[in-house]
């Protein structure tokens, strides 16, 4: 029998490993590449609340020691984009999705995918919003890249429209070398393979370190 992807206590251990690497002498060591400071912390979707507790504890500790920490909710970014399209457009999309779902749920999902994808995908999608927030935060909190952290969370709310590997590629070079950690709800299938929410096919297109 193979071991489960997430043995008991692994989330606590992963967050602690991340903490040690962030506060390492000489600056954050979350990546073997000095100019590529990205990491991914996978967790079981059902452990969302536990993750939030652990991340809050880590965030409070870092801030107490003079760090600047920027949590970014991917869910909020998407909802803000959708709301900006206007109430009439939102109601139209919802009504059409309901009509399609009554006839063919798969077609209804594809309809939603077509409407949501432009807000999520590509350099002008969520990646642009993330890069903008990081730049503004860095300007307001000039503590330096070695004492600043960005946490990308609430990714589960974007299921099944989200591919995190694409997002990280699109913000590469736009983070001012600030460490960025993606909190990833899903399963680790192999050394560098992750399955979003444990439902989508495993994506192996990852360069960042995956914790622990």
N, C-alpha and C. Protein backbone atom coordinates (compact mmCIF):
# COMPACT_ATOMS: atom_id res chain seq x y z
N UNK A 1 0.85 -1.20 0.00
CA UNK A 1 0.00 0.00 0.00
C UNK A 1 0.89 1.25 0.00
N UNK A 2 0.59 2.21 -0.88
CA UNK A 2 1.37 3.44 -0.91
C UNK A 2 0.92 4.38 0.18
N UNK A 3 1.82 5.27 0.60
CA UNK A 3 1.46 6.23 1.63
C UNK A 3 0.53 7.28 1.04
N UNK A 4 -0.41 7.81 1.84
CA UNK A 4 -1.30 8.87 1.34
C UNK A 4 -0.49 10.10 1.00
N UNK A 5 -0.96 10.93 0.03
CA UNK A 5 -0.21 12.12 -0.36
C UNK A 5 0.04 13.07 0.79
N UNK A 6 -0.86 13.08 1.79
CA UNK A 6 -0.73 13.99 2.90
C UNK A 6 -0.77 13.21 4.22
N UNK A 7 0.37 12.70 4.70
CA UNK A 7 0.39 12.00 5.98
C UNK A 7 0.00 12.93 7.11
N UNK A 8 -0.50 12.35 8.19
CA UNK A 8 -0.97 13.11 9.34
C UNK A 8 0.11 14.06 9.83
N UNK A 9 -0.28 15.32 10.04
CA UNK A 9 0.64 16.31 10.57
C UNK A 9 1.52 16.97 9.54
N UNK A 10 1.38 16.61 8.28
CA UNK A 10 2.28 17.16 7.26
C UNK A 10 2.05 18.63 7.02
N UNK A 11 0.82 19.12 7.20
CA UNK A 11 0.56 20.54 6.97
C UNK A 11 1.31 21.39 7.99
N UNK A 12 1.25 21.01 9.25
CA UNK A 12 2.01 21.72 10.28
C UNK A 12 3.50 21.70 9.95
N UNK A 13 3.99 20.55 9.52
CA UNK A 13 5.40 20.43 9.18
C UNK A 13 5.78 21.27 7.98
N UNK A 14 4.88 21.34 7.00
CA UNK A 14 5.16 22.13 5.80
C UNK A 14 5.25 23.61 6.13
N UNK A 15 4.32 24.10 6.95
CA UNK A 15 4.33 25.51 7.33
C UNK A 15 5.57 25.83 8.15
N UNK A 16 5.96 24.91 9.03
CA UNK A 16 7.16 25.14 9.84
C UNK A 16 8.42 25.15 8.96
N UNK A 17 8.47 24.26 7.97
CA UNK A 17 9.61 24.26 7.05
C UNK A 17 9.68 25.56 6.27
N UNK A 18 8.52 26.06 5.85
CA UNK A 18 8.47 27.35 5.15
C UNK A 18 8.95 28.47 6.06
N UNK A 19 8.50 28.46 7.29
CA UNK A 19 8.92 29.48 8.27
C UNK A 19 10.44 29.50 8.42
N UNK A 20 11.04 28.32 8.61
CA UNK A 20 12.49 28.25 8.80
C UNK A 20 13.23 28.80 7.58
N UNK A 21 12.74 28.49 6.40
CA UNK A 21 13.42 28.95 5.19
C UNK A 21 13.24 30.45 4.97
N UNK A 22 12.11 31.00 5.39
CA UNK A 22 11.89 32.44 5.23
C UNK A 22 12.83 33.24 6.12
N UNK A 23 13.03 32.79 7.35
CA UNK A 23 13.84 33.56 8.30
C UNK A 23 15.28 33.08 8.34
N UNK A 24 15.70 32.32 7.35
CA UNK A 24 17.07 31.79 7.32
C UNK A 24 18.09 32.91 7.29
N UNK A 25 19.25 32.70 7.93
CA UNK A 25 20.33 33.69 7.86
C UNK A 25 20.70 33.95 6.39
N UNK A 26 20.86 35.21 6.06
CA UNK A 26 21.20 35.54 4.69
C UNK A 26 20.01 35.80 3.80
N UNK A 27 18.80 35.72 4.38
CA UNK A 27 17.61 36.00 3.59
C UNK A 27 16.82 34.75 3.27
N UNK A 28 15.60 34.91 2.80
CA UNK A 28 14.72 33.77 2.51
C UNK A 28 15.36 32.76 1.57
N UNK A 29 15.19 31.47 1.91
CA UNK A 29 15.78 30.38 1.13
C UNK A 29 14.69 29.45 0.61
N UNK A 30 13.58 30.01 0.13
CA UNK A 30 12.48 29.18 -0.35
C UNK A 30 12.73 28.63 -1.74
N UNK A 31 13.81 29.07 -2.38
CA UNK A 31 14.16 28.58 -3.71
C UNK A 31 15.66 28.47 -3.82
N UNK A 32 16.12 27.55 -4.66
CA UNK A 32 17.56 27.42 -4.88
C UNK A 32 18.05 28.49 -5.84
N UNK A 33 17.13 29.24 -6.46
CA UNK A 33 17.49 30.29 -7.40
C UNK A 33 17.24 31.66 -6.77
N UNK A 34 18.27 32.45 -6.63
CA UNK A 34 18.19 33.74 -5.96
C UNK A 34 17.16 34.65 -6.63
N UNK A 35 17.06 34.60 -7.93
CA UNK A 35 16.17 35.49 -8.66
C UNK A 35 14.85 34.83 -9.03
N UNK A 36 14.53 33.72 -8.37
CA UNK A 36 13.24 33.05 -8.62
C UNK A 36 12.67 32.64 -7.27
N UNK A 37 12.05 33.59 -6.60
CA UNK A 37 11.59 33.37 -5.23
C UNK A 37 10.10 33.01 -5.20
N UNK A 38 9.81 31.81 -5.68
CA UNK A 38 8.45 31.30 -5.65
C UNK A 38 8.45 29.96 -4.92
N UNK A 39 7.35 29.69 -4.21
CA UNK A 39 7.18 28.39 -3.57
C UNK A 39 5.69 28.07 -3.54
N UNK A 40 5.39 26.78 -3.39
CA UNK A 40 4.00 26.31 -3.33
C UNK A 40 3.83 25.48 -2.07
N UNK A 41 2.77 25.75 -1.33
CA UNK A 41 2.46 24.97 -0.15
C UNK A 41 1.13 24.27 -0.38
N UNK A 42 1.16 22.98 -0.74
CA UNK A 42 -0.09 22.25 -0.96
C UNK A 42 -0.75 21.85 0.36
N UNK A 43 -2.06 21.77 0.32
CA UNK A 43 -2.80 21.29 1.49
C UNK A 43 -4.10 20.66 1.01
N UNK A 44 -4.64 19.75 1.81
CA UNK A 44 -5.91 19.13 1.47
C UNK A 44 -7.02 20.17 1.56
N UNK A 45 -7.92 20.24 0.57
CA UNK A 45 -8.99 21.25 0.62
C UNK A 45 -9.77 21.23 1.93
N UNK A 46 -9.95 20.06 2.52
CA UNK A 46 -10.70 19.99 3.78
C UNK A 46 -9.93 20.56 4.96
N UNK A 47 -8.65 20.89 4.75
CA UNK A 47 -7.84 21.49 5.81
C UNK A 47 -7.74 23.00 5.66
N UNK A 48 -8.66 23.58 4.92
CA UNK A 48 -8.63 25.03 4.67
C UNK A 48 -8.57 25.83 5.97
N UNK A 49 -9.42 25.51 6.93
CA UNK A 49 -9.45 26.28 8.17
C UNK A 49 -8.17 26.11 8.98
N UNK A 50 -7.63 24.89 9.01
CA UNK A 50 -6.36 24.66 9.70
C UNK A 50 -5.24 25.45 9.03
N UNK A 51 -5.25 25.45 7.71
CA UNK A 51 -4.23 26.22 6.98
C UNK A 51 -4.30 27.69 7.37
N UNK A 52 -5.50 28.24 7.40
CA UNK A 52 -5.64 29.66 7.74
C UNK A 52 -5.10 29.95 9.13
N UNK A 53 -5.33 29.04 10.08
CA UNK A 53 -4.81 29.23 11.43
C UNK A 53 -3.28 29.27 11.43
N UNK A 54 -2.69 28.31 10.72
CA UNK A 54 -1.23 28.24 10.68
C UNK A 54 -0.62 29.43 9.97
N UNK A 55 -1.24 29.85 8.88
CA UNK A 55 -0.71 30.98 8.12
C UNK A 55 -0.88 32.28 8.91
N UNK A 56 -1.97 32.41 9.65
CA UNK A 56 -2.15 33.60 10.49
C UNK A 56 -1.07 33.66 11.56
N UNK A 57 -0.77 32.51 12.16
CA UNK A 57 0.28 32.47 13.18
C UNK A 57 1.63 32.87 12.58
N UNK A 58 1.92 32.35 11.39
CA UNK A 58 3.18 32.70 10.73
C UNK A 58 3.20 34.18 10.36
N UNK A 59 2.09 34.69 9.83
CA UNK A 59 2.01 36.10 9.44
C UNK A 59 2.21 37.01 10.64
N UNK A 60 1.56 36.69 11.76
CA UNK A 60 1.69 37.51 12.97
C UNK A 60 3.14 37.51 13.46
N UNK A 61 3.79 36.36 13.42
CA UNK A 61 5.18 36.29 13.87
C UNK A 61 6.08 37.15 12.99
N UNK A 62 5.91 37.05 11.69
CA UNK A 62 6.75 37.82 10.78
C UNK A 62 6.52 39.32 10.96
N UNK A 63 5.27 39.72 11.07
CA UNK A 63 4.97 41.15 11.25
C UNK A 63 5.52 41.67 12.56
N UNK A 64 5.44 40.85 13.62
CA UNK A 64 5.99 41.26 14.92
C UNK A 64 7.49 41.48 14.83
N UNK A 65 8.12 40.85 13.85
CA UNK A 65 9.57 40.99 13.68
C UNK A 65 9.93 41.93 12.53
N UNK A 66 8.98 42.78 12.17
CA UNK A 66 9.28 43.85 11.22
C UNK A 66 9.10 43.52 9.76
N UNK A 67 8.51 42.37 9.46
CA UNK A 67 8.26 42.01 8.07
C UNK A 67 7.01 42.69 7.54
N UNK A 68 7.01 42.87 6.23
CA UNK A 68 5.80 43.25 5.53
C UNK A 68 5.20 42.01 4.90
N UNK A 69 3.94 41.69 5.22
CA UNK A 69 3.30 40.49 4.67
C UNK A 69 2.03 40.92 3.93
N UNK A 70 1.94 40.51 2.68
CA UNK A 70 0.78 40.85 1.84
C UNK A 70 -0.01 39.59 1.49
N UNK A 71 -1.17 39.37 2.13
CA UNK A 71 -2.03 38.26 1.72
C UNK A 71 -2.89 38.72 0.54
N UNK A 72 -2.96 37.92 -0.51
CA UNK A 72 -3.78 38.24 -1.67
C UNK A 72 -4.80 37.12 -1.85
N UNK A 73 -6.07 37.49 -1.85
CA UNK A 73 -7.15 36.52 -2.08
C UNK A 73 -7.45 36.47 -3.57
N UNK A 74 -7.14 35.35 -4.20
CA UNK A 74 -7.46 35.19 -5.61
C UNK A 74 -8.97 35.20 -5.83
N UNK A 75 -9.70 34.70 -4.86
CA UNK A 75 -11.16 34.75 -4.96
C UNK A 75 -11.66 36.19 -5.05
N UNK A 76 -11.14 37.06 -4.19
CA UNK A 76 -11.57 38.46 -4.19
C UNK A 76 -11.22 39.13 -5.51
N UNK A 77 -10.02 38.85 -6.02
CA UNK A 77 -9.62 39.47 -7.29
C UNK A 77 -10.59 39.09 -8.41
N UNK A 78 -10.97 37.81 -8.46
CA UNK A 78 -11.89 37.38 -9.50
C UNK A 78 -13.27 38.02 -9.31
N UNK A 79 -13.78 38.03 -8.08
CA UNK A 79 -15.09 38.61 -7.83
C UNK A 79 -15.10 40.10 -8.16
N UNK A 80 -14.01 40.79 -7.85
CA UNK A 80 -13.93 42.22 -8.19
C UNK A 80 -14.02 42.42 -9.70
N UNK A 81 -13.35 41.55 -10.44
CA UNK A 81 -13.39 41.67 -11.90
C UNK A 81 -14.80 41.39 -12.43
N UNK A 82 -15.44 40.38 -11.90
CA UNK A 82 -16.79 40.04 -12.36
C UNK A 82 -17.77 41.16 -12.02
N UNK A 83 -17.68 41.70 -10.80
CA UNK A 83 -18.58 42.80 -10.42
C UNK A 83 -18.39 44.01 -11.32
N UNK A 84 -17.17 44.22 -11.77
CA UNK A 84 -16.89 45.38 -12.62
C UNK A 84 -17.56 45.29 -13.98
N UNK A 85 -18.03 44.10 -14.38
CA UNK A 85 -18.72 43.96 -15.66
C UNK A 85 -20.15 44.47 -15.60
N UNK A 86 -20.66 44.72 -14.40
CA UNK A 86 -21.99 45.30 -14.26
C UNK A 86 -23.04 44.27 -13.88
N UNK A 87 -24.04 44.73 -13.15
CA UNK A 87 -25.09 43.86 -12.66
C UNK A 87 -25.87 43.20 -13.78
N UNK A 88 -26.13 43.94 -14.84
CA UNK A 88 -26.92 43.39 -15.95
C UNK A 88 -26.19 42.24 -16.62
N UNK A 89 -24.89 42.40 -16.81
CA UNK A 89 -24.11 41.34 -17.43
C UNK A 89 -24.06 40.10 -16.53
N UNK A 90 -23.87 40.30 -15.24
CA UNK A 90 -23.81 39.18 -14.30
C UNK A 90 -25.13 38.41 -14.31
N UNK A 91 -26.24 39.13 -14.29
CA UNK A 91 -27.55 38.47 -14.29
C UNK A 91 -27.76 37.70 -15.59
N UNK A 92 -27.30 38.24 -16.70
CA UNK A 92 -27.44 37.57 -17.98
C UNK A 92 -26.67 36.25 -18.00
N UNK A 93 -25.44 36.27 -17.48
CA UNK A 93 -24.61 35.06 -17.43
C UNK A 93 -25.26 34.01 -16.54
N UNK A 94 -25.76 34.43 -15.38
CA UNK A 94 -26.39 33.50 -14.45
C UNK A 94 -27.64 32.87 -15.06
N UNK A 95 -28.46 33.69 -15.67
CA UNK A 95 -29.71 33.18 -16.25
C UNK A 95 -29.42 32.17 -17.36
N UNK A 96 -28.43 32.48 -18.20
CA UNK A 96 -28.11 31.56 -19.29
C UNK A 96 -27.51 30.26 -18.74
N UNK A 97 -26.69 30.37 -17.71
CA UNK A 97 -26.11 29.16 -17.10
C UNK A 97 -27.21 28.26 -16.55
N UNK A 98 -28.20 28.84 -15.92
CA UNK A 98 -29.31 28.05 -15.37
C UNK A 98 -30.08 27.34 -16.49
N UNK A 99 -30.34 28.05 -17.58
CA UNK A 99 -31.09 27.44 -18.68
C UNK A 99 -30.29 26.29 -19.30
N UNK A 100 -28.99 26.51 -19.49
CA UNK A 100 -28.15 25.47 -20.08
C UNK A 100 -28.02 24.27 -19.14
N UNK A 101 -27.89 24.54 -17.85
CA UNK A 101 -27.71 23.45 -16.89
C UNK A 101 -28.92 22.52 -16.88
N UNK A 102 -30.09 23.07 -17.06
CA UNK A 102 -31.30 22.25 -17.07
C UNK A 102 -31.30 21.26 -18.23
N UNK A 103 -30.61 21.61 -19.30
CA UNK A 103 -30.55 20.76 -20.48
C UNK A 103 -29.28 19.91 -20.53
N UNK A 104 -28.13 20.54 -20.17
CA UNK A 104 -26.84 19.87 -20.30
C UNK A 104 -25.83 20.52 -19.34
N UNK A 105 -25.59 19.92 -18.18
CA UNK A 105 -24.66 20.52 -17.20
C UNK A 105 -23.26 20.77 -17.77
N UNK A 106 -22.78 19.88 -18.62
CA UNK A 106 -21.44 20.08 -19.18
C UNK A 106 -21.39 21.32 -20.06
N UNK A 107 -22.45 21.53 -20.83
CA UNK A 107 -22.50 22.71 -21.68
C UNK A 107 -22.58 23.97 -20.83
N UNK A 108 -23.30 23.90 -19.73
CA UNK A 108 -23.40 25.05 -18.82
C UNK A 108 -22.03 25.40 -18.25
N UNK A 109 -21.25 24.37 -17.88
CA UNK A 109 -19.91 24.61 -17.35
C UNK A 109 -19.01 25.25 -18.39
N UNK A 110 -19.10 24.79 -19.63
CA UNK A 110 -18.29 25.37 -20.69
C UNK A 110 -18.68 26.82 -20.94
N UNK A 111 -19.97 27.11 -20.81
CA UNK A 111 -20.43 28.50 -20.94
C UNK A 111 -19.77 29.37 -19.88
N UNK A 112 -19.77 28.91 -18.63
CA UNK A 112 -19.14 29.67 -17.56
C UNK A 112 -17.64 29.80 -17.77
N UNK A 113 -17.04 28.72 -18.24
CA UNK A 113 -15.60 28.75 -18.48
C UNK A 113 -15.24 29.84 -19.50
N UNK A 114 -16.05 29.94 -20.54
CA UNK A 114 -15.80 30.95 -21.56
C UNK A 114 -15.95 32.37 -21.03
N UNK A 115 -16.85 32.56 -20.08
CA UNK A 115 -17.06 33.89 -19.52
C UNK A 115 -16.00 34.25 -18.49
N UNK A 116 -15.55 33.24 -17.73
CA UNK A 116 -14.63 33.51 -16.62
C UNK A 116 -13.17 33.49 -17.06
N UNK A 117 -12.85 32.66 -18.04
CA UNK A 117 -11.45 32.49 -18.47
C UNK A 117 -10.74 33.81 -18.76
N UNK A 118 -11.35 34.77 -19.47
CA UNK A 118 -10.64 36.02 -19.75
C UNK A 118 -10.24 36.79 -18.50
N UNK A 119 -10.99 36.60 -17.41
CA UNK A 119 -10.65 37.29 -16.16
C UNK A 119 -9.53 36.58 -15.41
N UNK A 120 -9.34 35.30 -15.67
CA UNK A 120 -8.37 34.49 -14.92
C UNK A 120 -7.06 34.34 -15.67
N UNK A 121 -7.15 34.06 -16.96
CA UNK A 121 -6.00 33.61 -17.73
C UNK A 121 -5.21 34.75 -18.37
N UNK A 122 -3.97 34.44 -18.73
CA UNK A 122 -3.15 35.36 -19.51
C UNK A 122 -2.54 36.47 -18.68
N UNK A 123 -1.60 37.20 -19.26
CA UNK A 123 -0.91 38.27 -18.54
C UNK A 123 -1.82 39.42 -18.14
N UNK A 124 -2.99 39.53 -18.80
CA UNK A 124 -3.93 40.60 -18.46
C UNK A 124 -5.04 40.11 -17.52
N UNK A 125 -4.95 38.86 -17.08
CA UNK A 125 -5.93 38.31 -16.15
C UNK A 125 -5.51 38.58 -14.71
N UNK A 126 -5.70 37.58 -13.85
CA UNK A 126 -5.38 37.75 -12.44
C UNK A 126 -3.90 38.08 -12.22
N UNK A 127 -3.05 37.63 -13.12
CA UNK A 127 -1.61 37.91 -13.00
C UNK A 127 -1.35 39.41 -12.96
N UNK A 128 -2.08 40.17 -13.76
CA UNK A 128 -1.90 41.62 -13.78
C UNK A 128 -2.31 42.24 -12.45
N UNK A 129 -3.40 41.73 -11.86
CA UNK A 129 -3.85 42.25 -10.58
C UNK A 129 -2.85 41.92 -9.48
N UNK A 130 -2.33 40.69 -9.49
CA UNK A 130 -1.34 40.29 -8.48
C UNK A 130 -0.09 41.16 -8.59
N UNK A 131 0.42 41.35 -9.80
CA UNK A 131 1.62 42.16 -9.99
C UNK A 131 1.39 43.60 -9.53
N UNK A 132 0.22 44.13 -9.79
CA UNK A 132 -0.10 45.50 -9.38
C UNK A 132 -0.12 45.62 -7.86
N UNK A 133 -0.73 44.66 -7.19
CA UNK A 133 -0.80 44.70 -5.73
C UNK A 133 0.59 44.57 -5.10
N UNK A 134 1.42 43.71 -5.67
CA UNK A 134 2.77 43.54 -5.13
C UNK A 134 3.57 44.83 -5.28
N UNK A 135 3.49 45.47 -6.44
CA UNK A 135 4.23 46.70 -6.67
C UNK A 135 3.79 47.80 -5.70
N UNK A 136 2.48 47.93 -5.49
CA UNK A 136 1.96 48.95 -4.58
C UNK A 136 2.39 48.67 -3.14
N UNK A 137 2.35 47.40 -2.75
CA UNK A 137 2.74 47.03 -1.38
C UNK A 137 4.22 47.30 -1.15
N UNK A 138 5.04 46.96 -2.13
CA UNK A 138 6.48 47.18 -1.98
C UNK A 138 6.80 48.67 -1.83
N UNK A 139 6.04 49.50 -2.53
CA UNK A 139 6.26 50.95 -2.43
C UNK A 139 5.85 51.48 -1.07
N UNK A 140 4.78 50.92 -0.51
CA UNK A 140 4.27 51.38 0.77
C UNK A 140 5.04 50.80 1.96
N UNK A 141 5.71 49.64 1.74
CA UNK A 141 6.42 48.96 2.82
C UNK A 141 7.87 48.69 2.38
N UNK A 142 8.70 49.71 2.42
CA UNK A 142 10.07 49.57 1.91
C UNK A 142 10.99 48.81 2.86
N UNK A 143 10.56 47.65 3.35
CA UNK A 143 11.39 46.86 4.25
C UNK A 143 12.45 46.08 3.49
N UNK A 144 12.31 45.99 2.18
CA UNK A 144 13.25 45.22 1.38
C UNK A 144 12.72 43.84 1.09
N UNK A 145 13.16 43.27 -0.03
CA UNK A 145 12.63 41.97 -0.47
C UNK A 145 12.91 40.85 0.53
N UNK A 146 14.02 40.97 1.29
CA UNK A 146 14.37 39.91 2.22
C UNK A 146 13.50 39.88 3.46
N UNK A 147 12.69 40.92 3.65
CA UNK A 147 11.80 40.96 4.81
C UNK A 147 10.37 41.29 4.38
N UNK A 148 10.01 40.79 3.22
CA UNK A 148 8.67 40.97 2.68
C UNK A 148 8.19 39.63 2.14
N UNK A 149 6.90 39.35 2.29
CA UNK A 149 6.33 38.08 1.84
C UNK A 149 4.96 38.32 1.23
N UNK A 150 4.71 37.64 0.11
CA UNK A 150 3.38 37.66 -0.52
C UNK A 150 2.79 36.26 -0.42
N UNK A 151 1.55 36.18 0.05
CA UNK A 151 0.84 34.90 0.17
C UNK A 151 -0.37 34.92 -0.76
N UNK A 152 -0.38 34.03 -1.74
CA UNK A 152 -1.52 33.91 -2.65
C UNK A 152 -2.44 32.83 -2.13
N UNK A 153 -3.64 33.21 -1.70
CA UNK A 153 -4.56 32.25 -1.11
C UNK A 153 -5.94 32.29 -1.74
N UNK A 154 -6.84 31.47 -1.18
CA UNK A 154 -8.22 31.32 -1.62
C UNK A 154 -8.32 30.89 -3.08
N UNK A 155 -7.37 30.07 -3.51
CA UNK A 155 -7.37 29.59 -4.89
C UNK A 155 -8.50 28.59 -5.14
N UNK A 156 -8.91 27.88 -4.09
CA UNK A 156 -9.95 26.86 -4.27
C UNK A 156 -11.24 27.42 -4.82
N UNK A 157 -11.52 28.69 -4.55
CA UNK A 157 -12.75 29.31 -5.04
C UNK A 157 -12.75 29.46 -6.56
N UNK A 158 -11.59 29.29 -7.19
CA UNK A 158 -11.49 29.44 -8.64
C UNK A 158 -11.63 28.12 -9.38
N UNK A 159 -11.80 27.04 -8.64
CA UNK A 159 -11.98 25.73 -9.26
C UNK A 159 -13.28 25.72 -10.06
N UNK A 160 -13.31 25.16 -11.27
CA UNK A 160 -12.23 24.48 -12.00
C UNK A 160 -11.60 25.34 -13.09
N UNK A 161 -11.55 26.67 -12.89
CA UNK A 161 -11.14 27.58 -13.95
C UNK A 161 -9.70 28.05 -13.83
N UNK A 162 -8.91 27.45 -12.95
CA UNK A 162 -7.62 28.02 -12.57
C UNK A 162 -6.48 27.05 -12.79
N UNK A 163 -5.39 27.54 -13.37
CA UNK A 163 -4.15 26.76 -13.49
C UNK A 163 -3.04 27.58 -12.85
N UNK A 164 -2.63 27.17 -11.67
CA UNK A 164 -1.68 27.98 -10.91
C UNK A 164 -0.31 28.06 -11.57
N UNK A 165 0.09 27.03 -12.30
CA UNK A 165 1.40 27.07 -12.95
C UNK A 165 1.47 28.22 -13.94
N UNK A 166 0.37 28.47 -14.65
CA UNK A 166 0.35 29.58 -15.61
C UNK A 166 0.43 30.92 -14.89
N UNK A 167 -0.27 31.05 -13.76
CA UNK A 167 -0.24 32.31 -13.01
C UNK A 167 1.17 32.63 -12.55
N UNK A 168 1.87 31.65 -11.99
CA UNK A 168 3.22 31.90 -11.49
C UNK A 168 4.16 32.28 -12.62
N UNK A 169 4.00 31.66 -13.78
CA UNK A 169 4.82 32.04 -14.93
C UNK A 169 4.57 33.49 -15.33
N UNK A 170 3.31 33.90 -15.29
CA UNK A 170 2.95 35.22 -15.77
C UNK A 170 3.37 36.35 -14.83
N UNK A 171 3.56 36.04 -13.54
CA UNK A 171 4.03 37.08 -12.63
C UNK A 171 5.54 37.03 -12.43
N UNK A 172 6.19 36.02 -12.99
CA UNK A 172 7.65 35.93 -12.91
C UNK A 172 8.26 37.18 -13.54
N UNK A 173 9.19 37.79 -12.82
CA UNK A 173 9.82 39.02 -13.29
C UNK A 173 9.05 40.27 -12.91
N UNK A 174 7.90 40.12 -12.23
CA UNK A 174 7.07 41.27 -11.88
C UNK A 174 6.83 41.36 -10.37
N UNK A 175 7.65 40.65 -9.60
CA UNK A 175 7.43 40.59 -8.15
C UNK A 175 8.51 41.32 -7.36
N UNK A 176 9.43 42.00 -8.05
CA UNK A 176 10.49 42.76 -7.39
C UNK A 176 11.36 41.86 -6.52
N UNK A 177 11.43 40.58 -6.88
CA UNK A 177 12.22 39.57 -6.17
C UNK A 177 11.71 39.32 -4.75
N UNK A 178 10.49 39.70 -4.48
CA UNK A 178 9.86 39.42 -3.18
C UNK A 178 9.41 37.96 -3.16
N UNK A 179 9.65 37.23 -2.08
CA UNK A 179 9.18 35.84 -1.99
C UNK A 179 7.66 35.76 -2.13
N UNK A 180 7.20 34.86 -2.98
CA UNK A 180 5.78 34.65 -3.21
C UNK A 180 5.46 33.18 -2.95
N UNK A 181 4.49 32.93 -2.07
CA UNK A 181 4.09 31.56 -1.74
C UNK A 181 2.64 31.36 -2.14
N UNK A 182 2.39 30.37 -2.98
CA UNK A 182 1.04 30.01 -3.38
C UNK A 182 0.51 28.93 -2.44
N UNK A 183 -0.60 29.21 -1.78
CA UNK A 183 -1.27 28.24 -0.93
C UNK A 183 -2.20 27.44 -1.82
N UNK A 184 -1.87 26.16 -2.02
CA UNK A 184 -2.45 25.35 -3.10
C UNK A 184 -3.34 24.23 -2.56
N UNK A 185 -4.67 24.35 -2.74
CA UNK A 185 -5.55 23.26 -2.32
C UNK A 185 -5.54 22.13 -3.35
N UNK A 186 -5.03 20.98 -2.96
CA UNK A 186 -4.96 19.88 -3.91
C UNK A 186 -4.09 18.76 -3.40
N UNK A 187 -3.61 17.95 -4.32
CA UNK A 187 -2.81 16.78 -3.97
C UNK A 187 -1.48 16.80 -4.73
N UNK A 188 -0.46 16.37 -4.02
CA UNK A 188 0.86 16.20 -4.64
C UNK A 188 0.96 14.76 -5.10
N UNK A 189 1.04 14.57 -6.41
CA UNK A 189 1.05 13.24 -6.98
C UNK A 189 2.46 12.67 -7.12
N UNK A 190 3.38 13.54 -7.53
CA UNK A 190 4.78 13.14 -7.65
C UNK A 190 5.62 14.28 -7.12
N UNK A 191 6.93 14.21 -7.34
CA UNK A 191 7.83 15.23 -6.79
C UNK A 191 7.42 16.63 -7.23
N UNK A 192 7.09 16.80 -8.51
CA UNK A 192 6.72 18.12 -9.02
C UNK A 192 5.34 18.13 -9.66
N UNK A 193 4.48 17.18 -9.34
CA UNK A 193 3.15 17.09 -9.95
C UNK A 193 2.08 17.39 -8.91
N UNK A 194 1.17 18.31 -9.25
CA UNK A 194 0.10 18.70 -8.35
C UNK A 194 -1.24 18.60 -9.05
N UNK A 195 -2.24 18.10 -8.33
CA UNK A 195 -3.60 18.00 -8.84
C UNK A 195 -4.48 19.02 -8.10
N UNK A 196 -4.96 20.02 -8.82
CA UNK A 196 -5.76 21.08 -8.22
C UNK A 196 -7.05 20.51 -7.65
N UNK A 197 -7.25 20.75 -6.35
CA UNK A 197 -8.41 20.26 -5.60
C UNK A 197 -8.48 18.74 -5.54
N UNK A 198 -7.44 18.06 -6.01
CA UNK A 198 -7.45 16.61 -6.07
C UNK A 198 -8.40 16.08 -7.12
N UNK A 199 -8.84 16.95 -8.03
CA UNK A 199 -9.82 16.58 -9.04
C UNK A 199 -9.27 16.68 -10.46
N UNK A 200 -8.51 17.72 -10.75
CA UNK A 200 -7.99 17.90 -12.10
C UNK A 200 -6.78 17.01 -12.33
N UNK A 201 -6.50 16.74 -13.59
CA UNK A 201 -5.31 15.95 -13.93
C UNK A 201 -4.07 16.64 -13.38
N UNK A 202 -3.12 15.84 -12.91
CA UNK A 202 -1.91 16.39 -12.29
C UNK A 202 -1.14 17.25 -13.29
N UNK A 203 -0.75 18.43 -12.81
CA UNK A 203 0.03 19.38 -13.61
C UNK A 203 1.49 19.25 -13.17
N UNK A 204 2.37 18.96 -14.12
CA UNK A 204 3.80 18.80 -13.80
C UNK A 204 4.62 20.02 -14.19
N UNK A 205 3.95 21.07 -14.61
CA UNK A 205 4.64 22.23 -15.16
C UNK A 205 4.97 23.23 -14.05
N UNK A 206 5.77 22.78 -13.07
CA UNK A 206 6.11 23.64 -11.94
C UNK A 206 7.61 23.75 -11.77
N UNK A 207 8.09 24.99 -11.59
CA UNK A 207 9.49 25.23 -11.25
C UNK A 207 9.67 25.50 -9.76
N UNK A 208 8.69 26.11 -9.07
CA UNK A 208 8.92 26.48 -7.68
C UNK A 208 9.11 25.28 -6.77
N UNK A 209 9.73 25.53 -5.63
CA UNK A 209 9.81 24.50 -4.60
C UNK A 209 8.42 24.20 -4.07
N UNK A 210 8.13 22.93 -3.83
CA UNK A 210 6.86 22.50 -3.27
C UNK A 210 7.13 22.00 -1.85
N UNK A 211 6.47 22.60 -0.87
CA UNK A 211 6.71 22.27 0.54
C UNK A 211 5.84 21.10 1.00
N UNK A 212 6.34 20.28 1.97
CA UNK A 212 7.65 20.42 2.62
C UNK A 212 8.75 19.83 1.75
